[in-house]
Structure formats: structure tokens, C-alpha cells
């Protein structure tokens, strides 16, 4: 045959390593999936907070200046009193 002496031992060791890796991975994913916290029969109440609308955020930045780089790859807005030191 084409097999050299000791080739079967290497094949068996590789098979064992693969088997242990698969079993370890299955154990890891099985335990992390089951360890998520479970809430049963609990009521969580929160104080209602107003959700900011998109118009309020645009009002805050309406007087801001816009910088666009010369290659027009990116741009950003900044307040008029912003100073780089």
C-alpha cells in the first residue's frame, strides 16, 4: 500500500482531536444558549418618557455649519461657535 508506518496513528489522533473539538463546541453553545436569564410572572413598569421627534433634532442643528472635504468623500456638521485649538 501507499501508507507509511505510523500513518494510522496520526489519522487516529486527528480524528480524536476533531471529535473532542466538535463535542466541546456543542457543549459550549448548548450551555450559553440555556444560560440566558428568564423572567417569569414579573411586571416591569417604567415611567413614560417623551420620545424626541425628528423635527426637534433638526431644530437643534439648523444653524450649524457643514464641512465637506475637497474630495467630497465625507462631510459633517458643527456648531457655529466650534473652535479647533
C-alpha atoms as a PDB file:
ATOM      1  CA  UNK A   1       0.000   0.000   0.000  1.00  0.00           C
ATOM      2  CA  UNK A   2       0.896   3.698  -0.072  1.00  0.00           C
ATOM      3  CA  UNK A   3       0.761   4.161   3.711  1.00  0.00           C
ATOM      4  CA  UNK A   4       3.921   4.661   5.671  1.00  0.00           C
ATOM      5  CA  UNK A   5       4.466   3.214   9.121  1.00  0.00           C
ATOM      6  CA  UNK A   6       2.787   5.374  11.759  1.00  0.00           C
ATOM      7  CA  UNK A   7       0.256   6.969   9.371  1.00  0.00           C
ATOM      8  CA  UNK A   8      -2.661   5.181  11.054  1.00  0.00           C
ATOM      9  CA  UNK A   9      -1.632   6.605  14.431  1.00  0.00           C
ATOM     10  CA  UNK A  10      -1.665  10.143  13.044  1.00  0.00           C
ATOM     11  CA  UNK A  11      -5.084   9.573  11.477  1.00  0.00           C
ATOM     12  CA  UNK A  12      -6.469   8.302  14.775  1.00  0.00           C
ATOM     13  CA  UNK A  13      -5.055  11.299  16.685  1.00  0.00           C
ATOM     14  CA  UNK A  14      -6.515  13.755  14.153  1.00  0.00           C
ATOM     15  CA  UNK A  15      -9.888  12.018  14.418  1.00  0.00           C
ATOM     16  CA  UNK A  16      -9.823  12.260  18.212  1.00  0.00           C
ATOM     17  CA  UNK A  17      -8.920  15.973  18.075  1.00  0.00           C
ATOM     18  CA  UNK A  18     -11.788  16.653  15.670  1.00  0.00           C
ATOM     19  CA  UNK A  19     -14.222  14.662  17.817  1.00  0.00           C
ATOM     20  CA  UNK A  20     -13.195  16.485  21.003  1.00  0.00           C
ATOM     21  CA  UNK A  21     -13.450  19.861  19.231  1.00  0.00           C
ATOM     22  CA  UNK A  22     -16.952  19.165  17.959  1.00  0.00           C
ATOM     23  CA  UNK A  23     -18.087  17.864  21.359  1.00  0.00           C
ATOM     24  CA  UNK A  24     -16.580  20.887  23.142  1.00  0.00           C
ATOM     25  CA  UNK A  25     -18.210  23.302  20.707  1.00  0.00           C
ATOM     26  CA  UNK A  26     -21.588  21.628  21.119  1.00  0.00           C
ATOM     27  CA  UNK A  27     -21.262  21.791  24.907  1.00  0.00           C
ATOM     28  CA  UNK A  28     -20.240  25.466  24.816  1.00  0.00           C
ATOM     29  CA  UNK A  29     -23.097  26.544  22.556  1.00  0.00           C
ATOM     30  CA  UNK A  30     -25.556  24.373  24.452  1.00  0.00           C
ATOM     31  CA  UNK A  31     -24.687  25.906  27.813  1.00  0.00           C
ATOM     32  CA  UNK A  32     -24.591  29.514  26.598  1.00  0.00           C
ATOM     33  CA  UNK A  33     -27.999  29.148  24.946  1.00  0.00           C
ATOM     34  CA  UNK A  34     -29.567  27.823  28.144  1.00  0.00           C
ATOM     35  CA  UNK A  35     -27.925  30.336  30.476  1.00  0.00           C
ATOM     36  CA  UNK A  36     -29.961  33.334  29.306  1.00  0.00           C
ATOM     37  CA  UNK A  37     -31.891  34.971  32.138  1.00  0.00           C
ATOM     38  CA  UNK A  38     -35.561  34.105  32.258  1.00  0.00           C
ATOM     39  CA  UNK A  39     -38.205  36.418  33.651  1.00  0.00           C
ATOM     40  CA  UNK A  40     -41.424  34.743  34.678  1.00  0.00           C
ATOM     41  CA  UNK A  41     -44.505  36.329  36.187  1.00  0.00           C
ATOM     42  CA  UNK A  42     -42.828  39.673  36.745  1.00  0.00           C
ATOM     43  CA  UNK A  43     -44.244  43.004  35.725  1.00  0.00           C
ATOM     44  CA  UNK A  44     -41.812  45.747  34.866  1.00  0.00           C
ATOM     45  CA  UNK A  45     -43.181  49.246  34.847  1.00  0.00           C
ATOM     46  CA  UNK A  46     -41.426  52.310  33.538  1.00  0.00           C
ATOM     47  CA  UNK A  47     -42.264  55.952  33.764  1.00  0.00           C
ATOM     48  CA  UNK A  48     -43.334  57.145  30.385  1.00  0.00           C
ATOM     49  CA  UNK A  49     -40.796  59.482  28.806  1.00  0.00           C
ATOM     50  CA  UNK A  50     -41.445  61.581  25.753  1.00  0.00           C
ATOM     51  CA  UNK A  51     -39.750  60.313  22.643  1.00  0.00           C
ATOM     52  CA  UNK A  52     -37.909  63.058  20.781  1.00  0.00           C
ATOM     53  CA  UNK A  53     -39.218  63.559  17.302  1.00  0.00           C
ATOM     54  CA  UNK A  54     -37.077  64.015  14.235  1.00  0.00           C
ATOM     55  CA  UNK A  55     -38.104  67.683  13.982  1.00  0.00           C
ATOM     56  CA  UNK A  56     -36.634  68.537  17.399  1.00  0.00           C
ATOM     57  CA  UNK A  57     -33.195  67.163  16.443  1.00  0.00           C
ATOM     58  CA  UNK A  58     -33.191  69.064  13.151  1.00  0.00           C
ATOM     59  CA  UNK A  59     -34.134  72.259  15.029  1.00  0.00           C
ATOM     60  CA  UNK A  60     -31.101  71.862  17.278  1.00  0.00           C
ATOM     61  CA  UNK A  61     -28.725  71.722  14.317  1.00  0.00           C
ATOM     62  CA  UNK A  62     -30.448  74.006  11.829  1.00  0.00           C
ATOM     63  CA  UNK A  63     -27.900  76.838  12.344  1.00  0.00           C
ATOM     64  CA  UNK A  64     -24.881  74.541  12.293  1.00  0.00           C
ATOM     65  CA  UNK A  65     -22.276  74.814   9.541  1.00  0.00           C
ATOM     66  CA  UNK A  66     -21.379  71.897   7.274  1.00  0.00           C
ATOM     67  CA  UNK A  67     -17.826  70.922   6.367  1.00  0.00           C
ATOM     68  CA  UNK A  68     -17.292  68.825   3.247  1.00  0.00           C
ATOM     69  CA  UNK A  69     -13.813  67.632   2.388  1.00  0.00           C
ATOM     70  CA  UNK A  70     -12.401  68.706  -1.006  1.00  0.00           C
ATOM     71  CA  UNK A  71     -12.759  65.176  -2.449  1.00  0.00           C
ATOM     72  CA  UNK A  72     -16.403  65.044  -1.307  1.00  0.00           C
ATOM     73  CA  UNK A  73     -15.838  61.730   0.461  1.00  0.00           C
ATOM     74  CA  UNK A  74     -17.277  62.852   3.788  1.00  0.00           C
ATOM     75  CA  UNK A  75     -18.947  65.788   5.449  1.00  0.00           C
ATOM     76  CA  UNK A  76     -20.046  66.698   8.955  1.00  0.00           C
ATOM     77  CA  UNK A  77     -21.988  69.410  10.713  1.00  0.00           C
ATOM     78  CA  UNK A  78     -20.632  71.509  13.545  1.00  0.00           C
ATOM     79  CA  UNK A  79     -21.922  74.333  15.746  1.00  0.00           C
ATOM     80  CA  UNK A  80     -21.082  77.892  14.665  1.00  0.00           C
ATOM     81  CA  UNK A  81     -19.117  78.575  17.854  1.00  0.00           C
ATOM     82  CA  UNK A  82     -16.918  75.458  17.440  1.00  0.00           C
ATOM     83  CA  UNK A  83     -13.193  76.294  17.570  1.00  0.00           C
ATOM     84  CA  UNK A  84     -10.296  73.901  16.915  1.00  0.00           C
ATOM     85  CA  UNK A  85      -7.310  74.581  19.148  1.00  0.00           C
END
